[in-house]
């Protein structure tokens, strides 16, 4: 066991099945968790409600980490920083209710793929049967809070693999053009939940997302 301050009796380390640690000038102790040994609640079992909450919590946690790797580590970090929060906590608060007791997304329409202060255009619409889709919108704002160069972005959750967030391929379109297009991969799935959002030219501002469910026909 390591001694942090022998004279004042402040210990730090493990002794038998106890772990000593300090915070400030106080010394605390907790039991050592033996790897592989089940805790009491694991032996006796949780209630169905407790198990469901634990499953949902883990699912949201894994989804957020996958999002940061597959889509962007910046979108939720920037949105959270503006509110004085942590990115993962903000993602949880926005989306935890969209996951079911088995850890799957059950409310795709209200799921927030992105968040941010950049406004979305009005009357967003998707047309086409895929794999190429067209997007149109209206923009009547002055260019103070948005810019003509803001870029169209498309987030995707394929129906047969909704645990993996992706971005669409061949995305084209800027806010000032009032239209754009994107392609989906029919080899991954035949239906998909699409989330339209925008980012500024520098990639430091993002908008919230709007959901549309589409079918993907092969060429």
C-alpha atoms as a PDB file:
ATOM      1  CA  UNK A   1       0.000   0.000   0.000  1.00  0.00           C
ATOM      2  CA  UNK A   2       1.301   3.454  -0.857  1.00  0.00           C
ATOM      3  CA  UNK A   3       1.431   6.065   1.902  1.00  0.00           C
ATOM      4  CA  UNK A   4       0.630   9.575   0.713  1.00  0.00           C
ATOM      5  CA  UNK A   5       1.282  11.379   3.997  1.00  0.00           C
ATOM      6  CA  UNK A   6       2.542   9.091   6.760  1.00  0.00           C
ATOM      7  CA  UNK A   7       2.712  11.814   9.432  1.00  0.00           C
ATOM      8  CA  UNK A   8      -0.893  12.942   8.972  1.00  0.00           C
ATOM      9  CA  UNK A   9      -2.155   9.453   8.292  1.00  0.00           C
ATOM     10  CA  UNK A  10      -3.386  10.074   4.774  1.00  0.00           C
ATOM     11  CA  UNK A  11      -3.174   6.764   2.905  1.00  0.00           C
ATOM     12  CA  UNK A  12      -3.549   5.938  -0.741  1.00  0.00           C
ATOM     13  CA  UNK A  13      -3.714   2.449  -2.163  1.00  0.00           C
ATOM     14  CA  UNK A  14      -5.133  -1.022  -1.583  1.00  0.00           C
ATOM     15  CA  UNK A  15      -4.934  -3.078   1.601  1.00  0.00           C
ATOM     16  CA  UNK A  16      -6.545  -6.544   1.476  1.00  0.00           C
ATOM     17  CA  UNK A  17     -10.029  -5.941   0.030  1.00  0.00           C
ATOM     18  CA  UNK A  18     -10.107  -2.224   0.845  1.00  0.00           C
ATOM     19  CA  UNK A  19      -8.987   0.723  -1.275  1.00  0.00           C
ATOM     20  CA  UNK A  20      -7.940   3.943   0.475  1.00  0.00           C
ATOM     21  CA  UNK A  21      -7.950   7.262  -1.386  1.00  0.00           C
ATOM     22  CA  UNK A  22      -7.930  10.948  -0.545  1.00  0.00           C
ATOM     23  CA  UNK A  23      -9.866  13.962  -1.720  1.00  0.00           C
ATOM     24  CA  UNK A  24      -8.488  17.182  -0.395  1.00  0.00           C
ATOM     25  CA  UNK A  25      -7.581  16.543   3.216  1.00  0.00           C
ATOM     26  CA  UNK A  26     -10.074  13.709   3.697  1.00  0.00           C
ATOM     27  CA  UNK A  27      -9.368   9.984   3.479  1.00  0.00           C
ATOM     28  CA  UNK A  28     -12.012   7.608   2.101  1.00  0.00           C
ATOM     29  CA  UNK A  29     -12.255   3.848   1.779  1.00  0.00           C
ATOM     30  CA  UNK A  30     -14.232   1.516  -0.507  1.00  0.00           C
ATOM     31  CA  UNK A  31     -14.299  -2.194  -1.132  1.00  0.00           C
ATOM     32  CA  UNK A  32     -12.170  -3.624  -3.916  1.00  0.00           C
ATOM     33  CA  UNK A  33     -14.228  -5.108  -6.751  1.00  0.00           C
ATOM     34  CA  UNK A  34     -12.696  -8.470  -7.673  1.00  0.00           C
ATOM     35  CA  UNK A  35     -12.596  -8.865 -11.481  1.00  0.00           C
ATOM     36  CA  UNK A  36     -15.065 -11.500 -12.628  1.00  0.00           C
ATOM     37  CA  UNK A  37     -16.821 -11.704  -9.272  1.00  0.00           C
ATOM     38  CA  UNK A  38     -20.483 -10.795  -9.458  1.00  0.00           C
ATOM     39  CA  UNK A  39     -21.794  -8.117  -7.160  1.00  0.00           C
ATOM     40  CA  UNK A  40     -24.779  -8.722  -4.910  1.00  0.00           C
ATOM     41  CA  UNK A  41     -27.251  -7.065  -7.266  1.00  0.00           C
ATOM     42  CA  UNK A  42     -25.918  -9.179 -10.138  1.00  0.00           C
ATOM     43  CA  UNK A  43     -26.489 -12.373  -8.128  1.00  0.00           C
ATOM     44  CA  UNK A  44     -29.919 -11.477  -6.796  1.00  0.00           C
ATOM     45  CA  UNK A  45     -30.964  -9.767 -10.027  1.00  0.00           C
ATOM     46  CA  UNK A  46     -32.342  -6.357 -10.857  1.00  0.00           C
ATOM     47  CA  UNK A  47     -35.974  -5.538 -11.241  1.00  0.00           C
ATOM     48  CA  UNK A  48     -37.294  -5.520 -14.832  1.00  0.00           C
ATOM     49  CA  UNK A  49     -37.455  -1.709 -14.733  1.00  0.00           C
ATOM     50  CA  UNK A  50     -33.859  -1.432 -13.503  1.00  0.00           C
ATOM     51  CA  UNK A  51     -32.644  -3.815 -16.209  1.00  0.00           C
ATOM     52  CA  UNK A  52     -34.501  -1.864 -18.898  1.00  0.00           C
ATOM     53  CA  UNK A  53     -32.992   1.442 -17.784  1.00  0.00           C
ATOM     54  CA  UNK A  54     -29.501  -0.096 -17.690  1.00  0.00           C
ATOM     55  CA  UNK A  55     -29.921  -1.510 -21.200  1.00  0.00           C
ATOM     56  CA  UNK A  56     -31.161   1.814 -22.564  1.00  0.00           C
ATOM     57  CA  UNK A  57     -28.366   3.712 -20.845  1.00  0.00           C
ATOM     58  CA  UNK A  58     -25.729   1.420 -22.347  1.00  0.00           C
ATOM     59  CA  UNK A  59     -27.320   1.581 -25.799  1.00  0.00           C
ATOM     60  CA  UNK A  60     -27.343   5.386 -25.846  1.00  0.00           C
ATOM     61  CA  UNK A  61     -23.757   5.445 -24.612  1.00  0.00           C
ATOM     62  CA  UNK A  62     -22.583   3.075 -27.358  1.00  0.00           C
ATOM     63  CA  UNK A  63     -24.565   4.961 -30.015  1.00  0.00           C
ATOM     64  CA  UNK A  64     -23.025   8.276 -29.034  1.00  0.00           C
ATOM     65  CA  UNK A  65     -19.492   6.851 -29.165  1.00  0.00           C
ATOM     66  CA  UNK A  66     -20.223   5.346 -32.592  1.00  0.00           C
ATOM     67  CA  UNK A  67     -21.635   8.676 -33.788  1.00  0.00           C
ATOM     68  CA  UNK A  68     -18.445  10.481 -32.732  1.00  0.00           C
ATOM     69  CA  UNK A  69     -16.359   8.011 -34.762  1.00  0.00           C
ATOM     70  CA  UNK A  70     -18.577   7.487 -37.807  1.00  0.00           C
ATOM     71  CA  UNK A  71     -20.145  10.922 -38.273  1.00  0.00           C
ATOM     72  CA  UNK A  72     -18.444  13.689 -36.290  1.00  0.00           C
ATOM     73  CA  UNK A  73     -16.895  14.267 -32.854  1.00  0.00           C
ATOM     74  CA  UNK A  74     -17.600  17.992 -33.174  1.00  0.00           C
ATOM     75  CA  UNK A  75     -21.349  18.385 -33.731  1.00  0.00           C
ATOM     76  CA  UNK A  76     -22.541  17.574 -30.215  1.00  0.00           C
ATOM     77  CA  UNK A  77     -19.405  18.991 -28.588  1.00  0.00           C
ATOM     78  CA  UNK A  78     -20.008  22.405 -30.172  1.00  0.00           C
ATOM     79  CA  UNK A  79     -23.724  22.371 -29.328  1.00  0.00           C
ATOM     80  CA  UNK A  80     -23.026  21.363 -25.728  1.00  0.00           C
ATOM     81  CA  UNK A  81     -20.225  23.877 -25.235  1.00  0.00           C
ATOM     82  CA  UNK A  82     -22.590  26.709 -26.159  1.00  0.00           C
ATOM     83  CA  UNK A  83     -24.853  25.589 -23.305  1.00  0.00           C
ATOM     84  CA  UNK A  84     -22.049  24.978 -20.815  1.00  0.00           C
ATOM     85  CA  UNK A  85     -22.610  21.215 -20.906  1.00  0.00           C
ATOM     86  CA  UNK A  86     -20.778  18.032 -21.840  1.00  0.00           C
ATOM     87  CA  UNK A  87     -21.477  16.580 -25.296  1.00  0.00           C
ATOM     88  CA  UNK A  88     -22.428  13.091 -24.106  1.00  0.00           C
ATOM     89  CA  UNK A  89     -24.771  14.490 -21.441  1.00  0.00           C
ATOM     90  CA  UNK A  90     -26.538  16.702 -23.949  1.00  0.00           C
ATOM     91  CA  UNK A  91     -26.943  13.796 -26.372  1.00  0.00           C
ATOM     92  CA  UNK A  92     -28.408  11.682 -23.548  1.00  0.00           C
ATOM     93  CA  UNK A  93     -30.899  14.348 -22.511  1.00  0.00           C
ATOM     94  CA  UNK A  94     -32.115  14.811 -26.088  1.00  0.00           C
ATOM     95  CA  UNK A  95     -32.322  11.164 -27.122  1.00  0.00           C
ATOM     96  CA  UNK A  96     -32.612   8.806 -24.146  1.00  0.00           C
ATOM     97  CA  UNK A  97     -36.417   8.714 -24.448  1.00  0.00           C
ATOM     98  CA  UNK A  98     -36.118   7.623 -28.100  1.00  0.00           C
ATOM     99  CA  UNK A  99     -34.588   4.269 -27.125  1.00  0.00           C
ATOM    100  CA  UNK A 100     -36.641   1.245 -26.070  1.00  0.00           C
ATOM    101  CA  UNK A 101     -36.196  -1.216 -23.227  1.00  0.00           C
ATOM    102  CA  UNK A 102     -34.182  -3.553 -25.462  1.00  0.00           C
ATOM    103  CA  UNK A 103     -31.742  -0.805 -26.385  1.00  0.00           C
ATOM    104  CA  UNK A 104     -33.104  -0.127 -29.870  1.00  0.00           C
ATOM    105  CA  UNK A 105     -34.273   3.220 -31.271  1.00  0.00           C
ATOM    106  CA  UNK A 106     -38.075   3.204 -31.241  1.00  0.00           C
ATOM    107  CA  UNK A 107     -38.833   6.868 -31.987  1.00  0.00           C
ATOM    108  CA  UNK A 108     -36.961   7.836 -35.133  1.00  0.00           C
ATOM    109  CA  UNK A 109     -39.074  10.910 -35.842  1.00  0.00           C
ATOM    110  CA  UNK A 110     -38.159  12.637 -32.580  1.00  0.00           C
ATOM    111  CA  UNK A 111     -34.595  11.351 -32.511  1.00  0.00           C
ATOM    112  CA  UNK A 112     -32.113  14.238 -32.701  1.00  0.00           C
ATOM    113  CA  UNK A 113     -29.316  13.268 -35.080  1.00  0.00           C
ATOM    114  CA  UNK A 114     -27.700  16.668 -34.625  1.00  0.00           C
ATOM    115  CA  UNK A 115     -28.065  19.828 -32.566  1.00  0.00           C
ATOM    116  CA  UNK A 116     -26.815  23.365 -32.969  1.00  0.00           C
ATOM    117  CA  UNK A 117     -27.588  27.044 -33.259  1.00  0.00           C
ATOM    118  CA  UNK A 118     -27.574  27.240 -37.072  1.00  0.00           C
ATOM    119  CA  UNK A 119     -31.198  27.549 -38.275  1.00  0.00           C
ATOM    120  CA  UNK A 120     -32.705  25.044 -40.702  1.00  0.00           C
ATOM    121  CA  UNK A 121     -34.359  26.381 -43.883  1.00  0.00           C
ATOM    122  CA  UNK A 122     -38.134  26.232 -44.157  1.00  0.00           C
ATOM    123  CA  UNK A 123     -40.236  23.693 -46.052  1.00  0.00           C
ATOM    124  CA  UNK A 124     -37.593  21.030 -46.473  1.00  0.00           C
ATOM    125  CA  UNK A 125     -38.731  18.296 -48.858  1.00  0.00           C
ATOM    126  CA  UNK A 126     -37.138  15.141 -50.252  1.00  0.00           C
ATOM    127  CA  UNK A 127     -38.193  13.709 -53.604  1.00  0.00           C
ATOM    128  CA  UNK A 128     -36.995  10.746 -55.638  1.00  0.00           C
ATOM    129  CA  UNK A 129     -37.029   6.992 -55.356  1.00  0.00           C
ATOM    130  CA  UNK A 130     -33.332   6.506 -54.823  1.00  0.00           C
ATOM    131  CA  UNK A 131     -30.612   5.767 -54.734  1.00  0.00           C
ATOM    132  CA  UNK A 132     -30.386   9.450 -55.772  1.00  0.00           C
ATOM    133  CA  UNK A 133     -32.653  11.869 -53.909  1.00  0.00           C
ATOM    134  CA  UNK A 134     -33.315  15.572 -54.361  1.00  0.00           C
ATOM    135  CA  UNK A 135     -33.846  18.061 -51.526  1.00  0.00           C
ATOM    136  CA  UNK A 136     -35.580  21.436 -51.841  1.00  0.00           C
ATOM    137  CA  UNK A 137     -36.227  24.199 -49.325  1.00  0.00           C
ATOM    138  CA  UNK A 138     -37.152  27.849 -48.926  1.00  0.00           C
ATOM    139  CA  UNK A 139     -35.059  30.559 -47.318  1.00  0.00           C
ATOM    140  CA  UNK A 140     -36.502  33.992 -46.609  1.00  0.00           C
ATOM    141  CA  UNK A 141     -34.108  35.087 -43.881  1.00  0.00           C
ATOM    142  CA  UNK A 142     -31.614  37.867 -44.247  1.00  0.00           C
ATOM    143  CA  UNK A 143     -28.058  36.572 -44.194  1.00  0.00           C
ATOM    144  CA  UNK A 144     -27.284  37.568 -40.602  1.00  0.00           C
ATOM    145  CA  UNK A 145     -27.821  34.267 -38.808  1.00  0.00           C
ATOM    146  CA  UNK A 146     -27.168  32.058 -41.847  1.00  0.00           C
ATOM    147  CA  UNK A 147     -25.066  32.190 -44.999  1.00  0.00           C
ATOM    148  CA  UNK A 148     -25.711  31.288 -48.617  1.00  0.00           C
ATOM    149  CA  UNK A 149     -22.684  29.012 -48.441  1.00  0.00           C
ATOM    150  CA  UNK A 150     -24.049  26.800 -45.620  1.00  0.00           C
ATOM    151  CA  UNK A 151     -23.774  23.216 -46.836  1.00  0.00           C
ATOM    152  CA  UNK A 152     -26.487  20.568 -46.969  1.00  0.00           C
ATOM    153  CA  UNK A 153     -25.682  17.482 -44.849  1.00  0.00           C
ATOM    154  CA  UNK A 154     -27.504  14.152 -44.603  1.00  0.00           C
ATOM    155  CA  UNK A 155     -27.380  11.769 -41.662  1.00  0.00           C
ATOM    156  CA  UNK A 156     -28.622   8.214 -42.204  1.00  0.00           C
ATOM    157  CA  UNK A 157     -29.899   5.307 -40.121  1.00  0.00           C
ATOM    158  CA  UNK A 158     -30.646   2.324 -42.359  1.00  0.00           C
ATOM    159  CA  UNK A 159     -33.683   0.341 -41.207  1.00  0.00           C
ATOM    160  CA  UNK A 160     -31.852  -2.971 -41.072  1.00  0.00           C
ATOM    161  CA  UNK A 161     -28.887  -1.528 -39.148  1.00  0.00           C
ATOM    162  CA  UNK A 162     -30.069   1.500 -37.123  1.00  0.00           C
ATOM    163  CA  UNK A 163     -27.317   1.095 -34.524  1.00  0.00           C
ATOM    164  CA  UNK A 164     -24.761   2.515 -36.969  1.00  0.00           C
ATOM    165  CA  UNK A 165     -25.142   6.243 -37.751  1.00  0.00           C
ATOM    166  CA  UNK A 166     -23.781   7.246 -41.139  1.00  0.00           C
ATOM    167  CA  UNK A 167     -23.655  10.198 -43.517  1.00  0.00           C
ATOM    168  CA  UNK A 168     -24.978  10.006 -47.069  1.00  0.00           C
ATOM    169  CA  UNK A 169     -22.675   9.923 -50.066  1.00  0.00           C
ATOM    170  CA  UNK A 170     -22.536  12.376 -52.970  1.00  0.00           C
ATOM    171  CA  UNK A 171     -24.180  15.179 -50.993  1.00  0.00           C
ATOM    172  CA  UNK A 172     -24.476  18.438 -52.923  1.00  0.00           C
ATOM    173  CA  UNK A 173     -26.220  21.699 -52.191  1.00  0.00           C
ATOM    174  CA  UNK A 174     -25.763  25.065 -50.493  1.00  0.00           C
ATOM    175  CA  UNK A 175     -28.361  27.082 -48.659  1.00  0.00           C
ATOM    176  CA  UNK A 176     -28.465  29.871 -51.245  1.00  0.00           C
ATOM    177  CA  UNK A 177     -29.133  27.407 -54.093  1.00  0.00           C
ATOM    178  CA  UNK A 178     -32.442  26.282 -52.508  1.00  0.00           C
ATOM    179  CA  UNK A 179     -31.889  22.699 -53.633  1.00  0.00           C
ATOM    180  CA  UNK A 180     -29.456  19.829 -53.314  1.00  0.00           C
ATOM    181  CA  UNK A 181     -29.117  16.085 -53.705  1.00  0.00           C
ATOM    182  CA  UNK A 182     -27.664  13.017 -52.063  1.00  0.00           C
ATOM    183  CA  UNK A 183     -27.326   9.287 -52.649  1.00  0.00           C
ATOM    184  CA  UNK A 184     -27.971   6.299 -50.407  1.00  0.00           C
ATOM    185  CA  UNK A 185     -26.439   2.838 -50.645  1.00  0.00           C
ATOM    186  CA  UNK A 186     -29.109   0.269 -51.522  1.00  0.00           C
ATOM    187  CA  UNK A 187     -26.639  -2.539 -50.776  1.00  0.00           C
ATOM    188  CA  UNK A 188     -26.869  -1.616 -47.081  1.00  0.00           C
ATOM    189  CA  UNK A 189     -30.658  -1.360 -46.892  1.00  0.00           C
ATOM    190  CA  UNK A 190     -33.842  -0.733 -48.819  1.00  0.00           C
ATOM    191  CA  UNK A 191     -35.301   1.770 -46.350  1.00  0.00           C
ATOM    192  CA  UNK A 192     -33.646   4.459 -44.277  1.00  0.00           C
ATOM    193  CA  UNK A 193     -34.303   7.217 -41.793  1.00  0.00           C
ATOM    194  CA  UNK A 194     -32.774  10.377 -43.229  1.00  0.00           C
ATOM    195  CA  UNK A 195     -31.825  13.390 -41.098  1.00  0.00           C
ATOM    196  CA  UNK A 196     -31.356  16.661 -42.984  1.00  0.00           C
ATOM    197  CA  UNK A 197     -29.095  19.260 -41.395  1.00  0.00           C
ATOM    198  CA  UNK A 198     -26.736  22.072 -42.408  1.00  0.00           C
ATOM    199  CA  UNK A 199     -23.249  23.163 -41.445  1.00  0.00           C
ATOM    200  CA  UNK A 200     -21.426  26.381 -42.173  1.00  0.00           C
ATOM    201  CA  UNK A 201     -18.502  26.673 -44.564  1.00  0.00           C
ATOM    202  CA  UNK A 202     -15.915  26.347 -41.793  1.00  0.00           C
ATOM    203  CA  UNK A 203     -17.503  23.302 -40.160  1.00  0.00           C
ATOM    204  CA  UNK A 204     -17.816  25.059 -36.806  1.00  0.00           C
ATOM    205  CA  UNK A 205     -21.594  25.638 -36.795  1.00  0.00           C
ATOM    206  CA  UNK A 206     -24.332  23.065 -37.246  1.00  0.00           C
ATOM    207  CA  UNK A 207     -28.117  22.994 -37.281  1.00  0.00           C
ATOM    208  CA  UNK A 208     -30.603  20.656 -35.692  1.00  0.00           C
ATOM    209  CA  UNK A 209     -31.919  17.868 -37.921  1.00  0.00           C
ATOM    210  CA  UNK A 210     -35.211  17.108 -39.658  1.00  0.00           C
ATOM    211  CA  UNK A 211     -36.345  13.506 -40.126  1.00  0.00           C
ATOM    212  CA  UNK A 212     -37.699  11.844 -43.274  1.00  0.00           C
ATOM    213  CA  UNK A 213     -38.224   8.101 -43.881  1.00  0.00           C
ATOM    214  CA  UNK A 214     -37.400   7.002 -47.441  1.00  0.00           C
ATOM    215  CA  UNK A 215     -37.376   3.847 -49.572  1.00  0.00           C
ATOM    216  CA  UNK A 216     -34.315   3.108 -51.684  1.00  0.00           C
ATOM    217  CA  UNK A 217     -34.786   1.538 -55.088  1.00  0.00           C
ATOM    218  CA  UNK A 218     -31.821  -0.061 -56.839  1.00  0.00           C
ATOM    219  CA  UNK A 219     -30.787   1.157 -60.265  1.00  0.00           C
END
